[in-house]
Protein backbone atom coordinates (compact mmCIF):
# COMPACT_ATOMS: atom_id res chain seq x y z
CA MET A 1 -169.93 83.40 138.80
CA VAL A 2 -172.25 80.44 139.67
CA THR A 3 -175.39 81.71 141.58
CA LYS A 4 -175.72 79.17 144.58
CA VAL A 5 -178.69 80.94 146.14
CA SER A 6 -181.41 83.29 145.00
CA VAL A 7 -182.81 85.19 147.71
CA ILE A 8 -186.36 86.49 146.80
CA MET A 9 -187.54 89.53 149.10
CA PRO A 10 -191.10 90.84 148.41
CA SER A 11 -191.80 94.15 149.79
CA LEU A 12 -194.39 96.49 150.32
CA ASN A 13 -194.29 99.82 152.57
CA VAL A 14 -191.57 98.43 154.83
CA ALA A 15 -189.23 101.44 154.71
CA GLU A 16 -188.80 101.41 158.55
CA TYR A 17 -187.23 97.78 158.39
CA ILE A 18 -185.98 97.23 154.80
CA GLU A 19 -182.42 98.41 155.03
CA GLU A 20 -181.72 96.20 158.15
CA CYS A 21 -183.32 93.40 156.44
CA VAL A 22 -181.29 93.83 153.04
CA GLN A 23 -178.21 94.51 154.48
CA SER A 24 -178.30 91.27 156.59
CA VAL A 25 -178.47 89.43 153.25
CA MET A 26 -175.88 91.25 151.53
CA LYS A 27 -173.37 90.77 154.41
CA GLN A 28 -173.71 86.90 154.01
CA SER A 29 -170.59 84.90 154.28
CA LEU A 30 -171.91 83.00 151.30
CA GLN A 31 -171.01 85.41 148.56
CA GLU A 32 -172.40 83.61 145.50
CA ILE A 33 -175.87 84.80 145.96
CA GLU A 34 -178.42 87.02 144.01
CA ILE A 35 -180.78 89.27 145.69
CA ILE A 36 -184.21 89.61 144.09
CA CYS A 37 -186.23 92.56 145.50
CA VAL A 38 -189.90 92.45 144.43
CA ASP A 39 -191.67 95.71 145.50
CA ALA A 40 -195.38 96.04 144.91
CA GLY A 41 -195.56 99.57 144.62
CA SER A 42 -194.45 100.92 147.93
CA SER A 43 -195.51 104.54 148.71
CA ASP A 44 -193.42 105.11 151.90
CA GLY A 45 -189.93 105.29 150.51
CA THR A 46 -189.18 101.48 150.33
CA ARG A 47 -188.26 101.49 146.65
CA ASN A 48 -186.01 104.54 146.94
CA ILE A 49 -184.07 102.46 149.74
CA LEU A 50 -184.07 99.45 147.47
CA ASP A 51 -182.65 101.29 144.56
CA LYS A 52 -179.95 102.86 146.61
CA LEU A 53 -178.86 99.60 147.92
CA SER A 54 -178.82 98.15 144.41
CA ARG A 55 -176.38 100.68 143.30
CA LYS A 56 -174.14 99.71 146.03
CA ASP A 57 -174.29 95.88 145.34
CA ALA A 58 -174.44 94.42 141.85
CA ARG A 59 -176.02 91.28 143.10
CA ILE A 60 -179.30 92.99 144.04
CA SER A 61 -181.90 93.44 141.43
CA VAL A 62 -185.34 95.15 142.01
CA ILE A 63 -188.40 94.27 140.08
CA GLU A 64 -191.74 95.99 140.30
CA SER A 65 -194.66 93.99 140.79
CA ASP A 66 -198.22 95.52 139.40
CA VAL A 67 -200.16 93.36 141.85
CA LYS A 68 -200.18 93.89 145.42
CA SER A 69 -200.13 90.02 146.15
CA TYR A 70 -197.11 88.30 148.18
CA GLY A 71 -197.58 85.19 146.44
CA TYR A 72 -197.52 86.80 142.96
CA GLN A 73 -194.39 88.73 144.13
CA VAL A 74 -192.67 85.50 145.32
CA ASN A 75 -193.52 83.72 141.93
CA LEU A 76 -192.21 86.64 139.93
CA GLY A 77 -188.86 86.12 141.64
CA LEU A 78 -189.03 82.33 140.94
CA GLN A 79 -189.24 83.03 137.31
CA VAL A 80 -186.11 84.92 136.90
CA ALA A 81 -184.09 83.21 139.79
CA ARG A 82 -180.81 81.59 138.84
CA GLY A 83 -179.69 79.88 141.79
CA GLU A 84 -179.57 76.07 142.62
CA TYR A 85 -181.38 77.01 145.70
CA ILE A 86 -184.28 79.61 146.46
CA ALA A 87 -184.65 81.31 149.85
CA ILE A 88 -187.33 83.70 150.78
CA VAL A 89 -186.87 86.41 153.32
CA GLU A 90 -189.51 88.86 154.70
CA THR A 91 -188.60 92.22 154.36
CA ASP A 92 -189.28 93.29 158.08
CA ASP A 93 -187.01 90.45 159.30
CA ASN A 94 -183.31 89.58 159.25
CA VAL A 95 -180.93 86.85 159.12
CA GLU A 96 -177.62 85.29 160.66
CA ARG A 97 -174.64 86.25 158.70
CA ASN A 98 -173.84 82.57 158.06
CA MET A 99 -177.38 81.31 157.40
CA PHE A 100 -177.22 80.59 153.61
CA GLN A 101 -173.88 79.11 153.78
CA ARG A 102 -174.71 76.81 156.55
CA LEU A 103 -177.94 75.67 154.66
CA TYR A 104 -176.33 75.63 151.17
CA GLU A 105 -173.53 73.43 152.37
CA GLU A 106 -175.90 70.92 153.92
CA ALA A 107 -178.17 70.97 151.02
CA ILE A 108 -175.48 70.34 148.57
CA GLY A 109 -173.73 67.68 150.82
CA HIS A 110 -176.88 65.64 151.22
CA ASN A 111 -178.62 66.30 147.95
CA LEU A 112 -181.76 67.84 149.58
CA ASP A 113 -184.96 69.08 148.17
CA TYR A 114 -185.21 71.42 151.07
CA VAL A 115 -183.23 72.34 154.21
CA LYS A 116 -184.45 74.32 157.43
CA ALA A 117 -183.08 75.64 160.44
CA ASN A 118 -184.71 77.25 163.63
CA PHE A 119 -185.23 80.84 164.20
CA ARG A 120 -185.99 83.44 166.86
CA TYR A 121 -189.01 85.54 167.15
CA PHE A 122 -187.92 89.21 168.09
CA SER A 123 -189.82 92.58 168.90
CA ASP A 124 -188.42 95.99 169.65
CA PHE A 125 -189.55 97.39 172.97
CA GLN A 126 -188.51 100.27 175.03
CA GLY A 127 -185.16 100.54 173.22
CA HIS A 128 -184.27 96.96 173.29
CA ARG A 129 -184.43 94.10 171.20
CA ILE A 130 -186.18 91.24 172.88
CA TYR A 131 -185.91 87.49 171.45
CA ARG A 132 -187.76 84.24 171.94
CA LYS A 133 -186.87 80.89 170.40
CA GLY A 134 -188.99 79.42 167.63
CA TYR A 135 -188.44 75.87 166.28
CA ALA A 136 -189.19 74.43 162.93
CA VAL A 137 -189.52 70.81 164.20
CA ALA A 138 -190.64 71.77 167.81
CA SER A 139 -189.12 69.09 170.01
CA ASP A 140 -189.21 66.28 167.40
CA GLU A 141 -185.53 65.49 168.13
CA ALA A 142 -185.56 62.20 165.85
CA VAL A 143 -185.93 64.45 162.89
CA SER A 144 -182.97 66.95 163.43
CA GLU A 145 -180.00 66.73 161.24
CA CYS A 146 -181.26 63.47 159.66
CA THR A 147 -182.49 63.13 156.26
CA VAL A 148 -186.21 62.56 156.30
CA ILE A 149 -189.18 62.11 153.70
CA PRO A 150 -191.68 64.85 155.21
CA LYS A 151 -194.61 62.98 153.82
CA THR A 152 -194.01 60.09 156.26
CA LYS A 153 -193.64 62.42 159.32
CA PRO A 154 -197.08 63.91 159.31
CA ASN A 155 -196.56 66.14 162.26
CA LEU A 156 -193.92 68.12 160.43
CA PHE A 157 -196.66 69.58 158.51
CA VAL A 158 -197.91 71.26 161.75
CA CYS A 159 -194.53 71.91 163.31
CA ASP A 160 -192.76 73.57 160.29
CA ALA A 161 -194.87 76.65 159.63
CA GLY A 162 -192.28 79.07 158.25
CA ILE A 163 -191.43 79.48 154.60
CA TRP A 164 -188.67 81.77 155.43
CA THR A 165 -186.23 79.23 157.40
CA GLY A 166 -184.75 77.38 154.53
CA LEU A 167 -183.59 76.70 151.35
CA TYR A 168 -185.62 75.13 148.34
CA ARG A 169 -183.93 73.47 145.34
CA LYS A 170 -185.12 75.29 142.41
CA ASP A 171 -185.16 72.18 140.16
CA PHE A 172 -187.37 70.51 142.62
CA LEU A 173 -189.82 73.35 142.79
CA ASN A 174 -189.82 73.33 138.95
CA GLN A 175 -190.29 69.70 138.74
CA TYR A 176 -193.51 69.56 140.72
CA HIS A 177 -194.94 73.05 139.62
CA ILE A 178 -194.80 74.44 143.18
CA ARG A 179 -195.72 77.99 143.36
CA LEU A 180 -197.77 80.22 145.75
CA ASN A 181 -201.48 81.07 145.44
CA GLU A 182 -201.53 84.66 144.01
CA THR A 183 -204.43 86.04 146.10
CA LYS A 184 -204.34 89.82 147.04
CA GLY A 185 -202.21 91.15 149.99
CA ALA A 186 -199.82 89.01 152.16
CA ALA A 187 -202.53 86.55 153.18
CA TYR A 188 -201.20 83.19 154.44
CA GLN A 189 -200.00 82.09 151.12
CA ASP A 190 -196.92 80.42 152.68
CA ILE A 191 -199.39 77.62 153.95
CA GLY A 192 -199.99 76.36 150.30
CA PHE A 193 -196.35 76.68 149.31
CA LEU A 194 -195.24 74.67 152.40
CA VAL A 195 -197.88 71.94 152.10
CA GLN A 196 -196.96 71.57 148.42
CA VAL A 197 -193.18 71.41 149.28
CA GLN A 198 -193.74 68.91 152.10
CA THR A 199 -195.91 66.71 150.02
CA TYR A 200 -193.72 66.18 147.15
CA ALA A 201 -189.94 66.28 148.82
CA ARG A 202 -188.16 63.03 149.31
CA ARG A 203 -184.93 64.38 150.82
CA ALA A 204 -185.20 67.25 153.44
CA MET A 205 -183.43 68.15 156.55
CA TYR A 206 -183.78 70.12 159.71
CA LEU A 207 -180.90 71.76 161.46
CA PRO A 208 -180.63 72.52 165.21
CA ASP A 209 -179.23 76.09 164.31
CA PHE A 210 -181.03 79.38 164.96
CA LEU A 211 -180.24 81.24 161.64
CA TYR A 212 -183.48 83.69 161.06
CA TYR A 213 -185.00 86.32 162.90
CA TYR A 214 -188.86 86.83 162.64
CA ARG A 215 -190.33 90.18 163.62
CA THR A 216 -193.62 90.14 165.75
CA ASP A 217 -194.25 93.52 166.52
CA ARG A 218 -195.57 94.99 163.08
CA MET A 219 -199.30 95.16 163.64
CA GLU A 220 -199.94 95.79 159.81
CA ALA A 221 -199.25 91.68 159.42
CA SER A 222 -202.10 89.78 157.82
CA SER A 223 -202.06 87.45 160.81
CA TYR A 224 -203.59 90.34 163.13
CA LYS A 225 -206.61 90.87 160.79
CA ALA A 226 -210.17 89.50 161.17
CA GLU A 227 -210.06 87.68 157.68
CA VAL A 228 -207.55 84.97 158.89
CA LEU A 229 -210.04 82.16 158.75
CA GLN A 230 -210.88 83.26 155.23
CA TYR A 231 -207.26 83.33 154.23
CA VAL A 232 -206.93 79.72 155.60
CA HIS A 233 -210.04 78.67 153.76
CA GLN A 234 -208.80 80.04 150.47
CA GLU A 235 -205.48 78.42 150.82
CA PHE A 236 -206.68 74.93 151.43
CA GLN A 237 -209.47 75.19 148.84
CA TRP A 238 -206.78 76.01 146.23
CA LEU A 239 -204.48 73.14 147.23
CA LEU A 240 -207.23 70.60 147.29
CA GLN A 241 -209.14 71.71 144.03
CA ASP A 242 -206.46 73.57 141.94
CA LYS A 243 -203.27 72.02 142.93
CA ASN A 244 -204.87 68.34 143.30
CA ILE A 245 -203.29 67.82 146.93
CA GLU A 246 -204.65 64.80 148.45
CA MET A 247 -206.12 64.86 152.05
CA THR A 248 -203.21 62.72 153.65
CA LYS A 249 -202.84 62.84 157.39
CA GLY A 250 -199.95 65.44 157.29
CA VAL A 251 -202.42 67.83 155.13
CA ALA A 252 -205.43 67.05 157.51
CA LEU A 253 -203.11 67.84 160.58
CA LYS A 254 -202.32 71.07 159.17
CA LEU A 255 -205.66 72.04 158.21
CA THR A 256 -207.02 71.10 161.65
CA SER A 257 -204.04 73.12 163.40
CA CYS A 258 -204.81 76.21 161.15
CA PHE A 259 -208.40 75.98 161.57
CA LEU A 260 -208.47 76.05 165.61
CA CYS A 261 -205.59 78.71 165.68
CA GLU A 262 -207.18 81.12 163.24
CA LEU A 263 -210.77 80.53 164.68
CA ASP A 264 -209.40 81.77 168.09
CA LYS A 265 -208.01 84.96 166.43
CA VAL A 266 -211.31 85.72 164.72
CA MET A 267 -213.35 85.12 167.69
CA ARG A 268 -211.52 87.71 169.55
CA LYS A 269 -211.40 90.31 166.80
CA VAL A 270 -215.23 89.90 166.45
CA GLY A 271 -216.06 89.93 170.11
CA TYR A 272 -217.14 86.23 170.00
CA ASP A 273 -219.84 86.62 167.89
CA VAL A 274 -220.69 83.29 166.19
CA ASP A 275 -222.79 85.16 163.45
CA SER A 276 -219.88 87.43 162.21
CA TYR A 277 -219.39 87.73 158.57
CA TYR A 278 -215.63 86.82 159.21
CA LEU A 279 -216.68 83.14 160.13
CA GLY A 280 -219.68 82.45 157.76
CA GLU A 281 -218.84 80.35 154.73
CA SER A 282 -215.15 79.70 155.72
CA TYR A 283 -215.96 78.23 159.06
CA LEU A 284 -218.58 75.79 157.33
CA TRP A 285 -216.09 74.71 154.63
CA LEU A 286 -213.40 74.09 157.15
CA GLN A 287 -215.83 72.44 159.40
CA THR A 288 -216.99 70.04 156.48
CA HIS A 289 -213.55 68.95 155.40
CA ILE A 290 -212.25 68.38 159.01
CA GLN A 291 -215.33 66.34 159.86
CA GLU A 292 -214.83 64.41 156.67
CA ALA A 293 -211.25 63.67 157.40
CA ILE A 294 -212.22 62.41 160.76
CA LYS A 295 -215.08 60.27 159.61
CA LYS A 296 -212.77 58.51 157.02
CA GLY A 297 -210.01 57.83 159.61
CA VAL A 298 -207.50 60.18 158.18
CA ILE A 299 -207.10 61.72 161.58
CA ASN A 300 -208.42 60.73 164.78
CA GLU A 301 -208.33 61.45 168.59
CA GLN A 302 -204.96 59.73 168.88
CA ASP A 303 -203.31 62.20 166.68
CA PHE A 304 -204.09 65.09 169.34
CA SER A 305 -203.65 65.94 172.96
CA GLU A 306 -206.55 65.32 175.02
CA GLN A 307 -207.16 69.06 175.55
CA PHE A 308 -206.77 69.85 171.64
CA TRP A 309 -209.24 67.28 170.88
CA LYS A 310 -211.92 68.40 173.18
CA ARG A 311 -211.65 71.98 171.82
CA LEU A 312 -211.59 70.84 168.43
CA GLN A 313 -214.94 68.66 169.07
CA LEU A 314 -216.52 71.71 170.73
CA ALA A 315 -215.44 73.93 167.99
CA LEU A 316 -216.76 71.78 165.21
CA CYS A 317 -219.97 70.68 166.96
CA ASP A 318 -221.27 73.73 168.82
CA LEU A 319 -219.90 76.93 167.83
CA SER A 320 -221.84 79.19 170.13
CA ALA A 321 -220.65 76.94 173.15
CA TYR A 322 -217.04 77.22 171.82
CA ALA A 323 -217.11 81.01 171.66
CA ASN A 324 -218.57 80.94 175.21
CA TRP A 325 -215.71 78.74 176.44
CA LEU A 326 -212.98 80.69 174.68
CA GLN A 327 -214.41 84.12 176.11
CA GLU A 328 -214.33 82.82 179.60
CA ASP A 329 -210.92 81.13 179.14
CA ASP A 330 -209.61 84.64 177.70
CA CYS A 331 -211.35 86.37 180.61
CA ARG A 332 -209.58 83.99 183.39
CA ALA A 333 -206.09 84.57 181.60
CA LYS A 334 -206.60 88.20 181.62
CA GLU A 335 -207.74 88.20 185.45
CA ARG A 336 -204.53 86.07 186.44
CA ASP A 337 -202.26 88.69 184.49
CA ARG A 338 -204.06 91.53 186.39
CA GLN A 339 -203.84 89.80 189.81
CA LEU A 340 -200.04 89.29 189.13
CA VAL A 341 -199.46 92.90 188.25
CA ASP A 342 -201.67 93.98 191.17
CA TYR A 343 -199.64 91.53 193.66
CA ILE A 344 -196.22 93.04 192.47
CA SER A 345 -196.18 96.32 194.80
CA CYS A 346 -192.47 95.97 195.71
CA SER A 347 -189.77 98.08 194.13
CA GLU A 348 -187.69 95.36 192.45
CA VAL A 349 -188.69 92.21 190.28
CA VAL A 350 -186.62 89.34 189.16
CA ILE A 351 -188.09 87.01 186.58
CA PHE A 352 -187.18 83.27 186.92
CA GLY A 353 -187.19 81.84 183.44
CA GLY A 354 -185.26 83.11 180.43
CA GLY A 355 -187.22 81.17 178.02
CA SER A 356 -190.47 82.30 175.85
CA TYR A 357 -192.76 82.48 178.81
CA GLY A 358 -190.24 84.40 180.85
CA VAL A 359 -189.84 86.96 177.78
CA LEU A 360 -193.47 87.24 177.54
CA THR A 361 -193.75 87.69 181.48
CA LEU A 362 -191.12 90.64 180.90
CA LEU A 363 -192.96 92.40 178.16
CA LEU A 364 -196.12 92.23 180.33
CA LEU A 365 -194.54 93.57 183.49
CA LYS A 366 -192.55 96.20 181.38
CA GLU A 367 -195.92 97.26 179.98
CA HIS A 368 -197.37 97.95 183.56
CA GLN A 369 -193.87 100.03 184.33
CA LYS A 370 -192.83 97.54 186.99
CA LYS A 371 -189.12 97.74 188.02
CA ILE A 372 -187.58 94.55 186.58
CA VAL A 373 -183.79 94.35 187.72
CA ALA A 374 -182.97 90.83 186.22
CA LEU A 375 -183.70 87.59 185.23
CA CYS A 376 -182.60 84.27 186.38
CA ASP A 377 -182.45 80.86 184.97
CA ASN A 378 -181.09 77.35 185.54
CA GLU A 379 -179.63 77.27 182.18
CA ARG A 380 -175.73 77.94 182.58
CA SER A 381 -175.46 79.10 178.92
CA LEU A 382 -177.81 81.89 179.59
CA TRP A 383 -175.66 83.32 182.48
CA GLY A 384 -173.87 86.76 181.78
CA ARG A 385 -176.18 87.30 178.74
CA GLU A 386 -178.84 90.08 178.42
CA ILE A 387 -182.60 89.79 177.76
CA GLY A 388 -184.28 93.34 176.91
CA GLY A 389 -181.35 94.97 178.54
CA LEU A 390 -181.43 93.08 181.68
CA PRO A 391 -178.78 90.52 183.00
CA VAL A 392 -179.58 86.89 183.30
CA LEU A 393 -178.14 85.52 186.46
CA SER A 394 -177.79 82.19 188.23
CA PRO A 395 -180.75 81.71 190.62
CA GLU A 396 -178.26 81.67 193.46
CA THR A 397 -176.53 85.01 192.37
CA ALA A 398 -180.17 86.57 191.91
CA ALA A 399 -181.31 85.59 195.50
CA LYS A 400 -177.78 87.05 196.67
CA GLU A 401 -177.97 90.15 194.88
CA TYR A 402 -181.63 90.85 195.28
CA PRO A 403 -182.71 89.23 198.36
CA HIS A 404 -185.73 91.34 199.03
CA ALA A 405 -187.17 91.44 195.34
CA CYS A 406 -190.11 89.70 194.12
CA PHE A 407 -189.33 86.70 192.16
CA VAL A 408 -191.88 85.75 189.64
CA VAL A 409 -191.72 82.17 188.19
CA ALA A 410 -192.34 82.16 184.51
CA ASN A 411 -192.32 78.49 183.68
CA LYS A 412 -195.47 76.36 183.16
CA LYS A 413 -193.75 72.86 183.61
CA ASN A 414 -191.49 73.20 186.22
CA ALA A 415 -193.01 76.02 188.37
CA GLU A 416 -193.48 74.05 191.47
CA GLN A 417 -189.71 72.87 191.61
CA MET A 418 -188.58 76.51 190.84
CA LYS A 419 -190.58 77.83 193.60
CA THR A 420 -189.03 75.24 196.03
CA GLN A 421 -185.63 76.12 194.70
CA LEU A 422 -186.30 79.95 195.54
CA LEU A 423 -187.42 79.10 198.99
CA HIS A 424 -184.25 77.11 199.87
CA LEU A 425 -182.20 80.14 198.65
CA GLY A 426 -184.35 82.37 201.17
CA ILE A 427 -186.58 84.02 198.87
CA GLY A 428 -189.77 85.18 200.58
CA ARG A 429 -191.66 86.94 198.05
CA ILE A 430 -192.48 84.37 195.10
CA PHE A 431 -195.26 84.30 192.56
CA CYS A 432 -195.82 81.68 189.88
CA ARG A 433 -197.43 83.45 186.90
CA ASN A 434 -199.52 80.61 185.82
CA GLN A 435 -200.77 79.80 189.40
CA VAL A 436 -201.84 83.36 190.36
């Protein structure tokens, strides 16, 4: 049997999730796959589960890694992979049954170096699985389902941030010696892999399908650690020095986006202390390279939103002022959420908005034991579905069934229109989360 797709699955102490994950790959509609499980010495029973599954399915092989490194594990899998295309699945996630068939058919049909789809974030909360949409290409509709050269679309370097949403042609990876950085742990090595892929690919495609499920409630993940800015530093230093990647607009945009995002995480972790060890050398290295990219005209103010550019300038030029601004902004956000929770004293709550902001609002209110009875949304395709075990209704139905409930508008862009809509439906208790 010709192996069409090699699925590489690096694991370390994920016994709670590993069986669901591997089972989702085993049940793929595309049968011509191999499943390469690379375990880095798990001590919680993960390896026993993998061995049990490998006895049930001859397509599964289990490799022992003597190095606890996500990058090293994936590279081990790449060494032995026999498939035409490579997939990488993180072992606390899971995939749609048709994921690899859908991607493979497009990859073969268009002779692609790589192909990707959208995904859903998910978390398990109070006995229910709650999902939010994630996009590999954000709202860049001009790219979806078209063959593109990523290097000519610099914003793709920022939007497309997931190594796990696609397939990569093995011959393409080998031609350009594309591998992951083998630093310790599971520390952002996907950044370096993606930048190489996006730099060298000449035929890529992004599909609108939602095919991958990415877990967000595992607090052991590297993205929750204070070292995140150091991880970004070591990835880009490796790319620019060891892999000889040029500082193109796409690479500079990715570097800048990672810098500001991870800087915020570190600031919060260290109590906004600008003298923290977790900033230090990494902050200075990233600051120098971003300022140099701006000075050379690789990136400029027109490449960013007005708000992002102001934040970036402050973070680059006055770190103390940036720390003060971030702390004050975080305090304002927490105060808005506290006020919202305090305001909702009635017995029933309906959330108006079934998108990502609505899901986040649902989690916030559930955490504070508020009695949420339903969600409503103007999107017809959501009516009759459930989110977190709660029904999604039309606004008209929700107003009829829960006329005395408190309606929380969870939408940043259209909050005023939605509030007016509820007023016309006779709702008297309305709160806009972003305006409280």
